[in-house]
Structures are given as structure tokens and as C-alpha cells.
Amino acid sequence: MRQERRQERAQQQERQKQQQEARAAQGAQNQPGHAGDWLRRYKDLPPDQQRRSLENDPQFKKLPPPRQAELLRRLQRFSSLPPQRQEQILNRMETWEHLTVDQKKEARELFQQLRQLPPDRRQAVSRAIRNLRGLTPEQREQRINSPQFNSEFSPQERSLLRGASRLPLAPGDGLQAETPEE
């Protein structure tokens, strides 16, 4: 029981960390255009130059000081991530930007359902979503309706899988336990 609680706390901390990373990526990008353009343009600069570039940005200067401080913290967090993780976040932002309003609503609902699953089931469903990504829509539906999935996943979990398989997911990404903020 203690080990389960420790494991659940560790997973919760990881989810919070991922959520902060997504907010960092979203927050630092404050220019019009595609989500992540500012970050893509400046991500290879040293952190102090990134900070100066953001502080000198005309749109950034128009923001209230508390919002500026928040964006600077998010940029610092994003800059501290490994390049591969930064790229994943930027890809997720780009994918999220191109979803329709209805798709975003559906994604939020699916993410909420995923968060409500027990940790072991959440992991199993997330793993299945990642595995479904490389399949055609027809193959996904066949897999979800297969005897293996019927025995491995509950009807609620299969419904979640079906919904997630209809949404475009960022390259190299699976359904996460949080959505990017708009």
C-alpha cells in the first residue's frame, strides 16, 4: 500500500512537471503567428540571451509586470529542458494550435477521463494510445474492437481509446494527462 502511494505521488509529480513544461512553452511564446514560433527562433540561444530577447520584445513590454514575471519563469523552465523534450513540447503546441474548437473540447474531456483513471490503468491506456498512433484509422478501430482489447480494457477505457485515436496527436507524443493551455 505504501509503495502504491509513493508510486502515485511520483506519477503526480511527473504530471505536474509535464504540465509546467507545457505552460512554459506556451507562455514564452507571446508573438502572433504559429504556436512556438518565438521559442523555435530563440531556443538555441543561451538562456541569458533568451531572457534579454524576451524582455526586449515589444509585445512582452506591453504586458503587466506579474504576467512578464510568469513568462520569464516559464521561459527559464523551458530552457532548462533537454532539446528532445523542448521539441516534443513545441510539436504538441503546433498540433494543439491546429485542432478545431470541437477537437480541443473533445481532447480536454478525454484528458479529464484519463486523469480520473487509477495510475496503472492510466499507464495502460496511455501506452495503448501510443501504440495506436502508427496505425491507419481502420486498423485502430480493428485493434480497439479486438478480443485482446476487449479483455484488456473496460468499455470506458475503449471509449477513451476510440476518442483519442480520432484526434491528431503530435509526432512522438502520446495522449498526456494534461492539455496545452490556449
Foldseek 3Di string as FASTA:
>chain_A
DVVLVVVVVVVVVVQVLLQLLLQLQQLLPDDPDARNPLCVVPLPPPLVVSLVVSCPDPVLVPDPPVSNVSNNVSPVSNSPDPPVSNVLSSLQSRLLVPDDPVLNVLLQVLLVVLVPDRPVVSVVLQVLQVVLLVDDLVVQVCVLPDPVVPVVDPPSSSVSSNSQSPGDGGPPDTSGSDHRDD
